[in-house]
Amino acid sequence: MARKNINTTIDEDLYKEIRMLALQKGINANDLIEEGMKYILERESKKNKS
């Protein structure tokens, strides 16, 4: 799948937590953020089908 570079701003403390969790999981912060976005989209999709 092609990737799209985006720019956004998030809370500094939130980003620190993201980096720490990504480090614990052995992935980079970008992959963790992408994983979270996919999770939200899947959850919302299931809600809308109910």
PDB file of N, CA and C in Angstrom:
ATOM      1  N   MET A   1       0.845  -1.173   0.000  1.00  0.00           N
ATOM      2  CA  MET A   1       0.000   0.000   0.000  1.00  0.00           C
ATOM      3  C   MET A   1       0.894   1.241   0.000  1.00  0.00           C
ATOM      4  N   ALA A   2       0.531   2.209  -0.813  1.00  0.00           N
ATOM      5  CA  ALA A   2       1.285   3.463  -0.857  1.00  0.00           C
ATOM      6  C   ALA A   2       1.105   4.212   0.459  1.00  0.00           C
ATOM      7  N   ARG A   3       2.104   4.939   0.825  1.00  0.00           N
ATOM      8  CA  ARG A   3       2.051   5.692   2.084  1.00  0.00           C
ATOM      9  C   ARG A   3       1.944   7.173   1.763  1.00  0.00           C
ATOM     10  N   LYS A   4       1.266   7.899   2.627  1.00  0.00           N
ATOM     11  CA  LYS A   4       1.063   9.340   2.478  1.00  0.00           C
ATOM     12  C   LYS A   4       1.680  10.037   3.677  1.00  0.00           C
ATOM     13  N   ASN A   5       2.546  10.987   3.422  1.00  0.00           N
ATOM     14  CA  ASN A   5       3.155  11.771   4.487  1.00  0.00           C
ATOM     15  C   ASN A   5       2.171  12.860   4.913  1.00  0.00           C
ATOM     16  N   ILE A   6       1.890  12.938   6.225  1.00  0.00           N
ATOM     17  CA  ILE A   6       0.999  13.975   6.750  1.00  0.00           C
ATOM     18  C   ILE A   6       1.712  14.733   7.858  1.00  0.00           C
ATOM     19  N   ASN A   7       1.275  15.933   8.099  1.00  0.00           N
ATOM     20  CA  ASN A   7       1.800  16.733   9.210  1.00  0.00           C
ATOM     21  C   ASN A   7       0.649  17.039  10.147  1.00  0.00           C
ATOM     22  N   THR A   8       0.885  16.885  11.435  1.00  0.00           N
ATOM     23  CA  THR A   8      -0.134  17.176  12.429  1.00  0.00           C
ATOM     24  C   THR A   8       0.544  17.622  13.716  1.00  0.00           C
ATOM     25  N   THR A   9      -0.227  18.106  14.630  1.00  0.00           N
ATOM     26  CA  THR A   9       0.297  18.533  15.922  1.00  0.00           C
ATOM     27  C   THR A   9      -0.468  17.808  17.016  1.00  0.00           C
ATOM     28  N   ILE A  10       0.271  17.218  17.972  1.00  0.00           N
ATOM     29  CA  ILE A  10      -0.369  16.563  19.113  1.00  0.00           C
ATOM     30  C   ILE A  10       0.311  17.024  20.396  1.00  0.00           C
ATOM     31  N   ASP A  11      -0.342  16.769  21.494  1.00  0.00           N
ATOM     32  CA  ASP A  11       0.175  17.122  22.807  1.00  0.00           C
ATOM     33  C   ASP A  11       1.545  16.477  23.022  1.00  0.00           C
ATOM     34  N   GLU A  12       2.485  17.244  23.528  1.00  0.00           N
ATOM     35  CA  GLU A  12       3.854  16.759  23.730  1.00  0.00           C
ATOM     36  C   GLU A  12       3.909  15.556  24.672  1.00  0.00           C
ATOM     37  N   ASP A  13       3.145  15.600  25.755  1.00  0.00           N
ATOM     38  CA  ASP A  13       3.136  14.476  26.697  1.00  0.00           C
ATOM     39  C   ASP A  13       2.550  13.222  26.059  1.00  0.00           C
ATOM     40  N   LEU A  14       1.523  13.396  25.234  1.00  0.00           N
ATOM     41  CA  LEU A  14       0.938  12.258  24.527  1.00  0.00           C
ATOM     42  C   LEU A  14       1.970  11.631  23.602  1.00  0.00           C
ATOM     43  N   TYR A  15       2.722  12.468  22.890  1.00  0.00           N
ATOM     44  CA  TYR A  15       3.733  11.933  21.981  1.00  0.00           C
ATOM     45  C   TYR A  15       4.830  11.192  22.743  1.00  0.00           C
ATOM     46  N   LYS A  16       5.189  11.681  23.916  1.00  0.00           N
ATOM     47  CA  LYS A  16       6.184  10.979  24.736  1.00  0.00           C
ATOM     48  C   LYS A  16       5.680   9.589  25.115  1.00  0.00           C
ATOM     49  N   GLU A  17       4.396   9.507  25.476  1.00  0.00           N
ATOM     50  CA  GLU A  17       3.810   8.203  25.811  1.00  0.00           C
ATOM     51  C   GLU A  17       3.794   7.284  24.595  1.00  0.00           C
ATOM     52  N   ILE A  18       3.479   7.840  23.438  1.00  0.00           N
ATOM     53  CA  ILE A  18       3.471   7.056  22.194  1.00  0.00           C
ATOM     54  C   ILE A  18       4.864   6.506  21.921  1.00  0.00           C
ATOM     55  N   ARG A  19       5.872   7.355  22.043  1.00  0.00           N
ATOM     56  CA  ARG A  19       7.250   6.908  21.801  1.00  0.00           C
ATOM     57  C   ARG A  19       7.660   5.811  22.768  1.00  0.00           C
ATOM     58  N   MET A  20       7.295   5.954  24.045  1.00  0.00           N
ATOM     59  CA  MET A  20       7.647   4.947  25.050  1.00  0.00           C
ATOM     60  C   MET A  20       6.966   3.612  24.755  1.00  0.00           C
ATOM     61  N   LEU A  21       5.680   3.647  24.433  1.00  0.00           N
ATOM     62  CA  LEU A  21       4.961   2.414  24.126  1.00  0.00           C
ATOM     63  C   LEU A  21       5.515   1.767  22.862  1.00  0.00           C
ATOM     64  N   ALA A  22       5.804   2.571  21.862  1.00  0.00           N
ATOM     65  CA  ALA A  22       6.379   2.042  20.626  1.00  0.00           C
ATOM     66  C   ALA A  22       7.713   1.351  20.917  1.00  0.00           C
ATOM     67  N   LEU A  23       8.519   1.963  21.749  1.00  0.00           N
ATOM     68  CA  LEU A  23       9.806   1.375  22.123  1.00  0.00           C
ATOM     69  C   LEU A  23       9.604   0.030  22.818  1.00  0.00           C
ATOM     70  N   GLN A  24       8.625  -0.039  23.728  1.00  0.00           N
ATOM     71  CA  GLN A  24       8.329  -1.290  24.431  1.00  0.00           C
ATOM     72  C   GLN A  24       7.868  -2.377  23.463  1.00  0.00           C
ATOM     73  N   LYS A  25       7.121  -1.970  22.427  1.00  0.00           N
ATOM     74  CA  LYS A  25       6.608  -2.924  21.444  1.00  0.00           C
ATOM     75  C   LYS A  25       7.620  -3.252  20.350  1.00  0.00           C
ATOM     76  N   GLY A  26       8.722  -2.515  20.307  1.00  0.00           N
ATOM     77  CA  GLY A  26       9.748  -2.747  19.297  1.00  0.00           C
ATOM     78  C   GLY A  26       9.366  -2.228  17.922  1.00  0.00           C
ATOM     79  N   ILE A  27       8.535  -1.186  17.897  1.00  0.00           N
ATOM     80  CA  ILE A  27       8.137  -0.571  16.630  1.00  0.00           C
ATOM     81  C   ILE A  27       8.402   0.927  16.723  1.00  0.00           C
ATOM     82  N   ASN A  28       8.271   1.621  15.602  1.00  0.00           N
ATOM     83  CA  ASN A  28       8.469   3.068  15.670  1.00  0.00           C
ATOM     84  C   ASN A  28       7.148   3.770  15.967  1.00  0.00           C
ATOM     85  N   ALA A  29       7.245   5.017  16.384  1.00  0.00           N
ATOM     86  CA  ALA A  29       6.061   5.788  16.780  1.00  0.00           C
ATOM     87  C   ALA A  29       5.072   5.908  15.629  1.00  0.00           C
ATOM     88  N   ASN A  30       5.562   6.073  14.419  1.00  0.00           N
ATOM     89  CA  ASN A  30       4.682   6.193  13.262  1.00  0.00           C
ATOM     90  C   ASN A  30       3.811   4.949  13.107  1.00  0.00           C
ATOM     91  N   ASP A  31       4.409   3.779  13.253  1.00  0.00           N
ATOM     92  CA  ASP A  31       3.645   2.534  13.121  1.00  0.00           C
ATOM     93  C   ASP A  31       2.612   2.398  14.237  1.00  0.00           C
ATOM     94  N   LEU A  32       2.955   2.830  15.444  1.00  0.00           N
ATOM     95  CA  LEU A  32       2.003   2.773  16.551  1.00  0.00           C
ATOM     96  C   LEU A  32       0.826   3.714  16.304  1.00  0.00           C
ATOM     97  N   ILE A  33       1.107   4.907  15.815  1.00  0.00           N
ATOM     98  CA  ILE A  33       0.038   5.861  15.504  1.00  0.00           C
ATOM     99  C   ILE A  33      -0.860   5.300  14.408  1.00  0.00           C
ATOM    100  N   GLU A  34      -0.261   4.708  13.387  1.00  0.00           N
ATOM    101  CA  GLU A  34      -1.049   4.106  12.302  1.00  0.00           C
ATOM    102  C   GLU A  34      -1.918   2.965  12.837  1.00  0.00           C
ATOM    103  N   GLU A  35      -1.366   2.147  13.712  1.00  0.00           N
ATOM    104  CA  GLU A  35      -2.119   1.054  14.329  1.00  0.00           C
ATOM    105  C   GLU A  35      -3.329   1.604  15.092  1.00  0.00           C
ATOM    106  N   GLY A  36      -3.117   2.681  15.826  1.00  0.00           N
ATOM    107  CA  GLY A  36      -4.204   3.298  16.577  1.00  0.00           C
ATOM    108  C   GLY A  36      -5.284   3.866  15.676  1.00  0.00           C
ATOM    109  N   MET A  37      -4.886   4.477  14.588  1.00  0.00           N
ATOM    110  CA  MET A  37      -5.857   5.041  13.650  1.00  0.00           C
ATOM    111  C   MET A  37      -6.699   3.938  13.007  1.00  0.00           C
ATOM    112  N   LYS A  38      -6.050   2.837  12.648  1.00  0.00           N
ATOM    113  CA  LYS A  38      -6.782   1.703  12.063  1.00  0.00           C
ATOM    114  C   LYS A  38      -7.775   1.133  13.071  1.00  0.00           C
ATOM    115  N   TYR A  39      -7.356   1.034  14.326  1.00  0.00           N
ATOM    116  CA  TYR A  39      -8.228   0.519  15.376  1.00  0.00           C
ATOM    117  C   TYR A  39      -9.486   1.379  15.499  1.00  0.00           C
ATOM    118  N   ILE A  40      -9.312   2.682  15.523  1.00  0.00           N
ATOM    119  CA  ILE A  40     -10.453   3.593  15.643  1.00  0.00           C
ATOM    120  C   ILE A  40     -11.378   3.456  14.441  1.00  0.00           C
ATOM    121  N   LEU A  41     -10.820   3.395  13.247  1.00  0.00           N
ATOM    122  CA  LEU A  41     -11.644   3.264  12.044  1.00  0.00           C
ATOM    123  C   LEU A  41     -12.429   1.956  12.043  1.00  0.00           C
ATOM    124  N   GLU A  42     -11.794   0.857  12.449  1.00  0.00           N
ATOM    125  CA  GLU A  42     -12.491  -0.434  12.521  1.00  0.00           C
ATOM    126  C   GLU A  42     -13.599  -0.398  13.559  1.00  0.00           C
ATOM    127  N   ARG A  43     -13.330   0.189  14.721  1.00  0.00           N
ATOM    128  CA  ARG A  43     -14.324   0.291  15.789  1.00  0.00           C
ATOM    129  C   ARG A  43     -15.524   1.113  15.333  1.00  0.00           C
ATOM    130  N   GLU A  44     -15.276   2.222  14.692  1.00  0.00           N
ATOM    131  CA  GLU A  44     -16.367   3.078  14.221  1.00  0.00           C
ATOM    132  C   GLU A  44     -17.164   2.391  13.119  1.00  0.00           C
ATOM    133  N   SER A  45     -16.477   1.638  12.280  1.00  0.00           N
ATOM    134  CA  SER A  45     -17.158   0.911  11.211  1.00  0.00           C
ATOM    135  C   SER A  45     -18.114  -0.122  11.793  1.00  0.00           C
ATOM    136  N   LYS A  46     -17.681  -0.813  12.842  1.00  0.00           N
ATOM    137  CA  LYS A  46     -18.534  -1.813  13.497  1.00  0.00           C
ATOM    138  C   LYS A  46     -19.735  -1.149  14.163  1.00  0.00           C
ATOM    139  N   LYS A  47     -19.537   0.026  14.766  1.00  0.00           N
ATOM    140  CA  LYS A  47     -20.641   0.760  15.398  1.00  0.00           C
ATOM    141  C   LYS A  47     -21.702   1.131  14.371  1.00  0.00           C
ATOM    142  N   ASN A  48     -21.248   1.577  13.215  1.00  0.00           N
ATOM    143  CA  ASN A  48     -22.172   2.028  12.178  1.00  0.00           C
ATOM    144  C   ASN A  48     -22.949   0.881  11.550  1.00  0.00           C
ATOM    145  N   LYS A  49     -22.419  -0.336  11.621  1.00  0.00           N
ATOM    146  CA  LYS A  49     -23.103  -1.505  11.057  1.00  0.00           C
ATOM    147  C   LYS A  49     -24.159  -2.050  11.997  1.00  0.00           C
ATOM    148  N   SER A  50     -24.095  -1.687  13.270  1.00  0.00           N
ATOM    149  CA  SER A  50     -25.037  -2.208  14.275  1.00  0.00           C
ATOM    150  C   SER A  50     -26.392  -1.566  14.143  1.00  0.00           C
TER     151      SER A  50
END
